[in-house]
C-alpha atoms as a PDB file:
ATOM      1  CA  MET A   1      24.273  10.834   9.233  1.00  0.00           C
ATOM      2  CA  THR A   2      20.600  11.782   9.440  1.00  0.00           C
ATOM      3  CA  GLU A   3      18.243   9.473   7.577  1.00  0.00           C
ATOM      4  CA  ARG A   4      15.504  11.349   5.723  1.00  0.00           C
ATOM      5  CA  ILE A   5      12.386   9.480   4.555  1.00  0.00           C
ATOM      6  CA  LEU A   6       9.802  11.084   2.272  1.00  0.00           C
ATOM      7  CA  LEU A   7       6.296   9.927   3.165  1.00  0.00           C
ATOM      8  CA  THR A   8       3.711  10.795   0.509  1.00  0.00           C
ATOM      9  CA  GLY A   9       0.039  10.744   1.455  1.00  0.00           C
ATOM     10  CA  ALA A  10       1.094  11.512   5.014  1.00  0.00           C
ATOM     11  CA  ALA A  11      -2.363  12.846   5.966  1.00  0.00           C
ATOM     12  CA  GLY A  12      -4.151   9.708   4.746  1.00  0.00           C
ATOM     13  CA  GLY A  13      -5.298   6.730   6.766  1.00  0.00           C
ATOM     14  CA  VAL A  14      -2.163   4.593   6.510  1.00  0.00           C
ATOM     15  CA  GLY A  15       0.111   7.629   6.568  1.00  0.00           C
ATOM     16  CA  THR A  16      -1.453   8.849   9.801  1.00  0.00           C
ATOM     17  CA  LEU A  17      -0.985   5.428  11.396  1.00  0.00           C
ATOM     18  CA  MET A  18       2.608   5.080  10.206  1.00  0.00           C
ATOM     19  CA  ARG A  19       3.810   8.601  11.026  1.00  0.00           C
ATOM     20  CA  PRO A  20       4.373   8.096  14.798  1.00  0.00           C
ATOM     21  CA  ARG A  21       5.448   4.484  14.353  1.00  0.00           C
ATOM     22  CA  LEU A  22       8.207   5.273  11.859  1.00  0.00           C
ATOM     23  CA  ALA A  23       9.654   8.095  13.957  1.00  0.00           C
ATOM     24  CA  LYS A  24      12.960   7.229  15.584  1.00  0.00           C
ATOM     25  CA  PRO A  25      16.192   8.930  16.702  1.00  0.00           C
ATOM     26  CA  GLY A  26      18.384  10.026  13.812  1.00  0.00           C
ATOM     27  CA  ARG A  27      15.517   9.999  11.314  1.00  0.00           C
ATOM     28  CA  VAL A  28      13.649  12.892   9.723  1.00  0.00           C
ATOM     29  CA  LEU A  29      10.239  12.242   8.226  1.00  0.00           C
ATOM     30  CA  ARG A  30       9.430  14.565   5.343  1.00  0.00           C
ATOM     31  CA  LEU A  31       5.628  14.569   5.135  1.00  0.00           C
ATOM     32  CA  LEU A  32       3.959  15.340   1.807  1.00  0.00           C
ATOM     33  CA  ASP A  33       0.251  15.748   1.176  1.00  0.00           C
ATOM     34  CA  ILE A  34      -2.212  18.128  -0.462  1.00  0.00           C
ATOM     35  CA  ALA A  35      -3.867  18.477   2.948  1.00  0.00           C
ATOM     36  CA  GLU A  36      -2.487  20.795   5.599  1.00  0.00           C
ATOM     37  CA  LEU A  37      -0.161  19.187   8.134  1.00  0.00           C
ATOM     38  CA  SER A  38       1.795  20.492  11.106  1.00  0.00           C
ATOM     39  CA  ALA A  39       5.378  19.376  11.624  1.00  0.00           C
ATOM     40  CA  GLY A  40       6.352  17.706  14.871  1.00  0.00           C
ATOM     41  CA  ASP A  41       9.817  16.950  16.178  1.00  0.00           C
ATOM     42  CA  SER A  42      12.162  15.629  13.473  1.00  0.00           C
ATOM     43  CA  GLU A  43       9.524  16.232  10.800  1.00  0.00           C
ATOM     44  CA  GLU A  44       9.343  18.418   7.708  1.00  0.00           C
ATOM     45  CA  VAL A  45       6.140  19.248   5.853  1.00  0.00           C
ATOM     46  CA  VAL A  46       5.681  19.700   2.115  1.00  0.00           C
ATOM     47  CA  ARG A  47       2.221  20.657   0.889  1.00  0.00           C
ATOM     48  CA  ALA A  48       2.069  19.459  -2.700  1.00  0.00           C
ATOM     49  CA  SER A  49       0.471  17.003  -5.078  1.00  0.00           C
ATOM     50  CA  VAL A  50       2.216  13.838  -6.219  1.00  0.00           C
ATOM     51  CA  THR A  51       1.265  14.892  -9.755  1.00  0.00           C
ATOM     52  CA  ASP A  52       3.476  18.016  -9.627  1.00  0.00           C
ATOM     53  CA  MET A  53       6.908  17.050 -10.982  1.00  0.00           C
ATOM     54  CA  ASP A  54       8.698  20.211  -9.869  1.00  0.00           C
ATOM     55  CA  ALA A  55       7.302  19.911  -6.346  1.00  0.00           C
ATOM     56  CA  MET A  56       8.119  16.223  -6.190  1.00  0.00           C
ATOM     57  CA  GLU A  57      11.698  16.844  -7.279  1.00  0.00           C
ATOM     58  CA  ARG A  58      12.096  19.396  -4.515  1.00  0.00           C
ATOM     59  CA  ALA A  59      10.521  16.987  -2.038  1.00  0.00           C
ATOM     60  CA  CYS A  60      12.934  14.214  -3.082  1.00  0.00           C
ATOM     61  CA  GLU A  61      16.030  16.376  -2.672  1.00  0.00           C
ATOM     62  CA  GLY A  62      18.298  14.974   0.030  1.00  0.00           C
ATOM     63  CA  VAL A  63      16.024  11.994   0.665  1.00  0.00           C
ATOM     64  CA  ASP A  64      17.313   8.495   1.420  1.00  0.00           C
ATOM     65  CA  ALA A  65      14.081   6.651   0.571  1.00  0.00           C
ATOM     66  CA  VAL A  66      10.469   7.292  -0.426  1.00  0.00           C
ATOM     67  CA  LEU A  67       7.449   5.587   1.093  1.00  0.00           C
ATOM     68  CA  HIS A  68       4.740   6.276  -1.482  1.00  0.00           C
ATOM     69  CA  LEU A  69       1.307   6.102   0.129  1.00  0.00           C
ATOM     70  CA  GLY A  70      -0.230   9.030  -1.776  1.00  0.00           C
ATOM     71  CA  GLY A  71      -3.213   8.863  -4.125  1.00  0.00           C
ATOM     72  CA  HIS A  72      -6.891   7.982  -3.998  1.00  0.00           C
ATOM     73  CA  SER A  73      -7.411   5.291  -1.347  1.00  0.00           C
ATOM     74  CA  LEU A  74     -10.844   4.228  -2.606  1.00  0.00           C
ATOM     75  CA  GLU A  75     -12.445   3.595  -5.975  1.00  0.00           C
ATOM     76  CA  ALA A  76     -12.678   6.686  -8.181  1.00  0.00           C
ATOM     77  CA  SER A  77     -13.360   7.630 -11.786  1.00  0.00           C
ATOM     78  CA  TRP A  78     -10.906   6.480 -14.437  1.00  0.00           C
ATOM     79  CA  LYS A  79      -9.865  10.080 -14.997  1.00  0.00           C
ATOM     80  CA  ASP A  80      -8.976  10.568 -11.339  1.00  0.00           C
ATOM     81  CA  ILE A  81      -7.175   7.221 -11.034  1.00  0.00           C
ATOM     82  CA  LEU A  82      -5.218   7.924 -14.215  1.00  0.00           C
ATOM     83  CA  ASP A  83      -4.237  11.415 -13.075  1.00  0.00           C
ATOM     84  CA  VAL A  84      -3.416  10.839  -9.413  1.00  0.00           C
ATOM     85  CA  ASN A  85      -2.743   7.142  -8.862  1.00  0.00           C
ATOM     86  CA  ILE A  86      -1.044   6.250 -12.147  1.00  0.00           C
ATOM     87  CA  ASN A  87       0.547   9.491 -13.346  1.00  0.00           C
ATOM     88  CA  GLY A  88       1.201  10.493  -9.741  1.00  0.00           C
ATOM     89  CA  THR A  89       3.080   7.255  -9.102  1.00  0.00           C
ATOM     90  CA  TYR A  90       5.126   7.747 -12.274  1.00  0.00           C
ATOM     91  CA  THR A  91       5.916  11.289 -11.104  1.00  0.00           C
ATOM     92  CA  VAL A  92       7.095  10.037  -7.716  1.00  0.00           C
ATOM     93  CA  PHE A  93       9.425   7.461  -9.261  1.00  0.00           C
ATOM     94  CA  GLU A  94      10.781   9.835 -11.882  1.00  0.00           C
ATOM     95  CA  ALA A  95      11.355  12.613  -9.356  1.00  0.00           C
ATOM     96  CA  ALA A  96      13.156  10.131  -7.107  1.00  0.00           C
ATOM     97  CA  ARG A  97      15.331   9.005 -10.020  1.00  0.00           C
ATOM     98  CA  ARG A  98      16.224  12.576 -10.973  1.00  0.00           C
ATOM     99  CA  GLN A  99      17.235  13.332  -7.386  1.00  0.00           C
ATOM    100  CA  GLY A 100      19.275  10.164  -6.965  1.00  0.00           C
ATOM    101  CA  VAL A 101      16.971   8.454  -4.460  1.00  0.00           C
ATOM    102  CA  ARG A 102      17.845   4.775  -4.554  1.00  0.00           C
ATOM    103  CA  ARG A 103      14.863   3.213  -2.779  1.00  0.00           C
ATOM    104  CA  VAL A 104      11.080   3.544  -3.177  1.00  0.00           C
ATOM    105  CA  ILE A 105       8.477   1.537  -1.275  1.00  0.00           C
ATOM    106  CA  PHE A 106       5.171   1.568  -3.132  1.00  0.00           C
ATOM    107  CA  ALA A 107       1.874   0.954  -1.333  1.00  0.00           C
ATOM    108  CA  SER A 108       0.029  -1.452  -3.604  1.00  0.00           C
ATOM    109  CA  SER A 109      -3.153  -3.284  -2.619  1.00  0.00           C
ATOM    110  CA  ASN A 110      -4.964  -6.592  -2.458  1.00  0.00           C
ATOM    111  CA  HIS A 111      -7.283  -5.051  -5.064  1.00  0.00           C
ATOM    112  CA  ALA A 112      -4.523  -5.517  -7.642  1.00  0.00           C
ATOM    113  CA  VAL A 113      -5.539  -9.197  -7.516  1.00  0.00           C
ATOM    114  CA  GLY A 114      -9.133  -8.722  -6.389  1.00  0.00           C
ATOM    115  CA  PHE A 115     -10.639 -11.159  -8.888  1.00  0.00           C
ATOM    116  CA  VAL A 116      -8.434 -14.045  -7.797  1.00  0.00           C
ATOM    117  CA  PRO A 117     -10.943 -16.661  -6.543  1.00  0.00           C
ATOM    118  CA  ARG A 118     -10.638 -17.685  -2.920  1.00  0.00           C
ATOM    119  CA  SER A 119     -11.008 -21.317  -4.043  1.00  0.00           C
ATOM    120  CA  ALA A 120      -7.484 -21.028  -5.516  1.00  0.00           C
ATOM    121  CA  GLY A 121      -5.975 -21.268  -2.007  1.00  0.00           C
ATOM    122  CA  GLU A 122      -3.106 -19.183  -0.668  1.00  0.00           C
ATOM    123  CA  VAL A 123      -2.451 -16.068  -2.744  1.00  0.00           C
ATOM    124  CA  GLY A 124       1.233 -15.931  -3.674  1.00  0.00           C
ATOM    125  CA  ASP A 125       3.469 -12.905  -3.416  1.00  0.00           C
ATOM    126  CA  TYR A 126       3.681 -12.560  -7.198  1.00  0.00           C
ATOM    127  CA  ALA A 127       0.097 -13.563  -7.980  1.00  0.00           C
ATOM    128  CA  PHE A 128      -0.765 -12.461 -11.516  1.00  0.00           C
ATOM    129  CA  PRO A 129      -2.720  -9.181 -11.541  1.00  0.00           C
ATOM    130  CA  ARG A 130      -6.499  -9.533 -11.664  1.00  0.00           C
ATOM    131  CA  PRO A 131      -7.669  -6.072 -10.564  1.00  0.00           C
ATOM    132  CA  ASP A 132     -11.234  -5.582  -9.392  1.00  0.00           C
ATOM    133  CA  THR A 133     -11.675  -1.820  -9.971  1.00  0.00           C
ATOM    134  CA  ASN A 134     -10.108   1.268 -11.504  1.00  0.00           C
ATOM    135  CA  TYR A 135      -8.301   1.584  -8.181  1.00  0.00           C
ATOM    136  CA  GLY A 136      -6.945  -1.951  -8.571  1.00  0.00           C
ATOM    137  CA  VAL A 137      -5.802  -1.220 -12.119  1.00  0.00           C
ATOM    138  CA  GLY A 138      -3.959   1.816 -10.758  1.00  0.00           C
ATOM    139  CA  LYS A 139      -2.117  -0.384  -8.266  1.00  0.00           C
ATOM    140  CA  VAL A 140      -1.154  -2.853 -11.013  1.00  0.00           C
ATOM    141  CA  ALA A 141       0.190   0.076 -13.041  1.00  0.00           C
ATOM    142  CA  GLY A 142       2.130   1.303 -10.009  1.00  0.00           C
ATOM    143  CA  GLU A 143       3.720  -2.119  -9.552  1.00  0.00           C
ATOM    144  CA  ALA A 144       4.714  -2.099 -13.228  1.00  0.00           C
ATOM    145  CA  ILE A 145       6.210   1.386 -12.937  1.00  0.00           C
ATOM    146  CA  GLY A 146       8.215   0.233  -9.921  1.00  0.00           C
ATOM    147  CA  SER A 147       9.453  -2.844 -11.768  1.00  0.00           C
ATOM    148  CA  HIS A 148      10.524  -0.691 -14.704  1.00  0.00           C
ATOM    149  CA  TYR A 149      12.481   1.721 -12.513  1.00  0.00           C
ATOM    150  CA  ALA A 150      14.145  -1.142 -10.672  1.00  0.00           C
ATOM    151  CA  ASP A 151      15.241  -2.923 -13.858  1.00  0.00           C
ATOM    152  CA  ARG A 152      16.173   0.035 -16.004  1.00  0.00           C
ATOM    153  CA  TYR A 153      17.647   2.367 -13.384  1.00  0.00           C
ATOM    154  CA  GLY A 154      18.837  -0.041 -10.720  1.00  0.00           C
ATOM    155  CA  MET A 155      16.597   1.346  -7.995  1.00  0.00           C
ATOM    156  CA  ASP A 156      15.510  -0.785  -5.040  1.00  0.00           C
ATOM    157  CA  VAL A 157      11.719  -1.021  -5.195  1.00  0.00           C
ATOM    158  CA  ILE A 158       9.348  -2.995  -3.004  1.00  0.00           C
ATOM    159  CA  SER A 159       5.627  -3.095  -3.797  1.00  0.00           C
ATOM    160  CA  VAL A 160       3.615  -3.844  -0.671  1.00  0.00           C
ATOM    161  CA  ARG A 161       0.199  -5.301  -1.446  1.00  0.00           C
ATOM    162  CA  ILE A 162      -1.626  -4.011   1.614  1.00  0.00           C
ATOM    163  CA  GLY A 163      -4.639  -5.952   2.825  1.00  0.00           C
ATOM    164  CA  SER A 164      -6.536  -3.767   5.323  1.00  0.00           C
ATOM    165  CA  CYS A 165      -4.614  -1.474   7.667  1.00  0.00           C
ATOM    166  CA  PHE A 166      -6.727  -0.194  10.544  1.00  0.00           C
ATOM    167  CA  GLU A 167      -6.390  -0.177  14.325  1.00  0.00           C
ATOM    168  CA  LYS A 168      -8.612  -3.281  14.321  1.00  0.00           C
ATOM    169  CA  PRO A 169     -10.409  -5.292  11.609  1.00  0.00           C
ATOM    170  CA  ARG A 170     -13.827  -3.901  10.749  1.00  0.00           C
ATOM    171  CA  ASP A 171     -15.596  -6.997   9.380  1.00  0.00           C
ATOM    172  CA  THR A 172     -15.077 -10.736   8.986  1.00  0.00           C
ATOM    173  CA  ARG A 173     -13.245 -10.363   5.669  1.00  0.00           C
ATOM    174  CA  MET A 174     -10.594  -8.337   7.450  1.00  0.00           C
ATOM    175  CA  LEU A 175      -9.925 -11.303   9.731  1.00  0.00           C
ATOM    176  CA  SER A 176      -8.026 -12.550   6.659  1.00  0.00           C
ATOM    177  CA  THR A 177      -6.685  -9.285   5.215  1.00  0.00           C
ATOM    178  CA  TRP A 178      -5.803  -7.247   8.320  1.00  0.00           C
ATOM    179  CA  MET A 179      -2.408  -5.643   8.834  1.00  0.00           C
ATOM    180  CA  SER A 180      -2.111  -4.121  12.289  1.00  0.00           C
ATOM    181  CA  PRO A 181      -0.526  -0.672  12.338  1.00  0.00           C
ATOM    182  CA  ASP A 182       2.345  -2.019  14.447  1.00  0.00           C
ATOM    183  CA  ASP A 183       2.979  -4.825  11.957  1.00  0.00           C
ATOM    184  CA  GLY A 184       2.714  -2.263   9.162  1.00  0.00           C
ATOM    185  CA  ALA A 185       5.544  -0.294  10.738  1.00  0.00           C
ATOM    186  CA  ARG A 186       7.566  -3.492  11.168  1.00  0.00           C
ATOM    187  CA  LEU A 187       7.084  -4.320   7.502  1.00  0.00           C
ATOM    188  CA  PHE A 188       7.970  -0.847   6.248  1.00  0.00           C
ATOM    189  CA  GLU A 189      11.068  -0.837   8.462  1.00  0.00           C
ATOM    190  CA  ALA A 190      12.097  -4.126   6.854  1.00  0.00           C
ATOM    191  CA  CYS A 191      11.495  -2.605   3.419  1.00  0.00           C
ATOM    192  CA  LEU A 192      13.652   0.386   4.318  1.00  0.00           C
ATOM    193  CA  SER A 193      16.526  -1.602   5.787  1.00  0.00           C
ATOM    194  CA  THR A 194      16.845  -4.846   3.817  1.00  0.00           C
ATOM    195  CA  PRO A 195      20.032  -4.747   1.722  1.00  0.00           C
ATOM    196  CA  ASN A 196      19.824  -4.730  -2.076  1.00  0.00           C
ATOM    197  CA  PRO A 197      16.269  -6.041  -2.545  1.00  0.00           C
ATOM    198  CA  GLY A 198      16.067  -5.162  -6.248  1.00  0.00           C
ATOM    199  CA  TYR A 199      12.387  -5.435  -7.165  1.00  0.00           C
ATOM    200  CA  ARG A 200      10.057  -7.346  -4.871  1.00  0.00           C
ATOM    201  CA  VAL A 201       6.355  -7.792  -4.261  1.00  0.00           C
ATOM    202  CA  VAL A 202       5.339  -8.593  -0.689  1.00  0.00           C
ATOM    203  CA  TRP A 203       2.043  -8.950   1.102  1.00  0.00           C
ATOM    204  CA  GLY A 204       1.224  -6.330   3.724  1.00  0.00           C
ATOM    205  CA  VAL A 205      -0.723  -8.365   6.279  1.00  0.00           C
ATOM    206  CA  SER A 206      -0.318  -9.590   9.832  1.00  0.00           C
ATOM    207  CA  ASP A 207       0.242 -13.244  10.700  1.00  0.00           C
ATOM    208  CA  ASN A 208      -3.488 -13.942  10.765  1.00  0.00           C
ATOM    209  CA  THR A 209      -4.851 -17.370  11.670  1.00  0.00           C
ATOM    210  CA  ARG A 210      -7.400 -16.964   8.851  1.00  0.00           C
ATOM    211  CA  GLY A 211      -4.927 -15.324   6.460  1.00  0.00           C
ATOM    212  CA  TRP A 212      -5.135 -15.857   2.710  1.00  0.00           C
ATOM    213  CA  PHE A 213      -1.776 -14.455   1.666  1.00  0.00           C
ATOM    214  CA  SER A 214       1.799 -15.660   1.485  1.00  0.00           C
ATOM    215  CA  LEU A 215       4.253 -14.066   3.902  1.00  0.00           C
ATOM    216  CA  ALA A 216       7.293 -15.723   2.327  1.00  0.00           C
ATOM    217  CA  GLU A 217       8.724 -12.672   0.557  1.00  0.00           C
ATOM    218  CA  ALA A 218       7.955 -10.333   3.445  1.00  0.00           C
ATOM    219  CA  LYS A 219       9.720 -12.633   5.898  1.00  0.00           C
ATOM    220  CA  ALA A 220      12.620 -13.003   3.451  1.00  0.00           C
ATOM    221  CA  ILE A 221      13.352  -9.275   3.789  1.00  0.00           C
ATOM    222  CA  GLY A 222      13.217  -9.419   7.578  1.00  0.00           C
ATOM    223  CA  TYR A 223       9.543  -8.859   8.440  1.00  0.00           C
ATOM    224  CA  LEU A 224       8.577 -10.453  11.751  1.00  0.00           C
ATOM    225  CA  PRO A 225       4.806  -9.986  12.223  1.00  0.00           C
ATOM    226  CA  GLN A 226       3.581 -10.180  15.792  1.00  0.00           C
ATOM    227  CA  ASP A 227      -0.168  -9.632  15.536  1.00  0.00           C
ATOM    228  CA  ASP A 228      -3.121 -11.856  14.624  1.00  0.00           C
ATOM    229  CA  SER A 229      -6.684 -10.733  13.859  1.00  0.00           C
ATOM    230  CA  GLU A 230      -8.046 -13.823  15.621  1.00  0.00           C
ATOM    231  CA  VAL A 231      -8.306 -11.870  18.879  1.00  0.00           C
ATOM    232  CA  PHE A 232     -11.191  -9.964  17.239  1.00  0.00           C
ATOM    233  CA  ALA A 233     -12.858 -12.994  15.605  1.00  0.00           C
ATOM    234  CA  ALA A 234     -15.546 -13.800  18.170  1.00  0.00           C
ATOM    235  CA  GLU A 235     -16.744 -10.196  18.318  1.00  0.00           C
ATOM    236  CA  LEU A 236     -16.888  -9.780  14.531  1.00  0.00           C
ATOM    237  CA  ILE A 237     -18.512 -13.144  13.827  1.00  0.00           C
ATOM    238  CA  ALA A 238     -21.167 -12.425  16.448  1.00  0.00           C
ATOM    239  CA  GLU A 239     -21.940  -9.178  14.622  1.00  0.00           C
ATOM    240  CA  HIS A 240     -21.604 -10.266  10.983  1.00  0.00           C
ATOM    241  CA  GLY A 241     -21.812 -14.083  10.951  1.00  0.00           C
ATOM    242  CA  GLU A 242     -19.300 -16.558   9.546  1.00  0.00           C
ATOM    243  CA  PRO A 243     -18.161 -15.679   5.993  1.00  0.00           C
ATOM    244  CA  ARG A 244     -18.940 -18.319   3.348  1.00  0.00           C
ATOM    245  CA  LEU A 245     -16.427 -18.592   0.538  1.00  0.00           C
ATOM    246  CA  ASP A 246     -19.029 -20.003  -1.851  1.00  0.00           C
ATOM    247  CA  GLU A 247     -21.136 -16.852  -1.644  1.00  0.00           C
ATOM    248  CA  ASP A 248     -20.619 -13.273  -2.787  1.00  0.00           C
ATOM    249  CA  PRO A 249     -18.828 -11.149  -1.799  1.00  0.00           C
ATOM    250  CA  HIS A 250     -16.422 -13.671  -0.279  1.00  0.00           C
ATOM    251  CA  ARG A 251     -15.754 -15.775  -3.405  1.00  0.00           C
ATOM    252  CA  PHE A 252     -12.993 -13.421  -4.534  1.00  0.00           C
ATOM    253  CA  VAL A 253     -10.027 -11.835  -2.785  1.00  0.00           C
ATOM    254  CA  GLY A 254     -11.434  -8.347  -3.420  1.00  0.00           C
ATOM    255  CA  GLY A 255     -14.697  -9.102  -1.622  1.00  0.00           C
ATOM    256  CA  ALA A 256     -17.426  -6.515  -2.178  1.00  0.00           C
ATOM    257  CA  TRP A 257     -15.132  -4.596  -4.537  1.00  0.00           C
ATOM    258  CA  CYS A 258     -15.834  -7.350  -7.079  1.00  0.00           C
ATOM    259  CA  GLY A 259     -19.579  -6.748  -6.878  1.00  0.00           C
ATOM    260  CA  PRO A 260     -21.907  -4.590  -9.004  1.00  0.00           C
ATOM    261  CA  ASP A 261     -21.804  -1.630  -6.620  1.00  0.00           C
ATOM    262  CA  MET A 262     -18.192  -1.018  -7.704  1.00  0.00           C
ATOM    263  CA  ASP A 263     -18.879  -1.154 -11.456  1.00  0.00           C
ATOM    264  CA  THR A 264     -17.576   2.364 -12.022  1.00  0.00           C
ATOM    265  CA  ALA A 265     -17.544   2.275 -15.824  1.00  0.00           C
ATOM    266  CA  ARG A 266     -21.259   1.426 -16.099  1.00  0.00           C
ATOM    267  CA  LYS A 267     -22.143   4.066 -13.539  1.00  0.00           C
ATOM    268  CA  GLU A 268     -20.206   6.745 -15.386  1.00  0.00           C
ATOM    269  CA  ALA A 269     -21.677   5.738 -18.755  1.00  0.00           C
ATOM    270  CA  GLY A 270     -25.181   5.435 -17.326  1.00  0.00           C
ATOM    271  CA  ARG A 271     -25.562   1.960 -18.842  1.00  0.00           C
END
């Protein structure tokens, strides 16, 4: 039997990194994005928005699982977050339900708990939401939508609170939040294969020496991280200096996203 995985936001940063790493014999990746994509071997392309229910239902037809990465990946206006990140996530879950898809993996974010102070110590898997931006609020809403669909409709849903997924960490904060692309693929494979997870929240990070986040739930579903940002530490500290947790922007999990430059509401209101 061919396994078919729907990957929303396939043209985005994380989607682009995951696409070759999630390819394997016997699997078809159905790639969905509003941007133009070309299909490779064992790939299908759907050009559509996650906000389009009819298109999402067609995209979910015959799918075994959905990896929902689509939406705005940075801070945006409330209108855009509401339309794409919140309503779009609802549309993905509802389309999956209508088409009988039993498993959805939702890409949440550390910004769902951005205002958790670093002085609180390790950030647990189910840390209470303290979003730092409209974007963070959208991720909290997505986690709630996933929980609702798991409890009411019996779907298997895993919300992955991604730290920072790039080929290498870009600053000293990412020494704590980094998820290597290879570890990202390992985690998503665990999310796809673990039996009967129900609803779970896991942290999407590598096994970093300077890590802030619990890996208990991720390891419980079979995630075996193999990478550590520490190999980049000397280079980044030489460039940026040692981060101090008693100073902004490092006092909170969300870092600079907790600062005044990300105060979207005041900017939009002009006051």
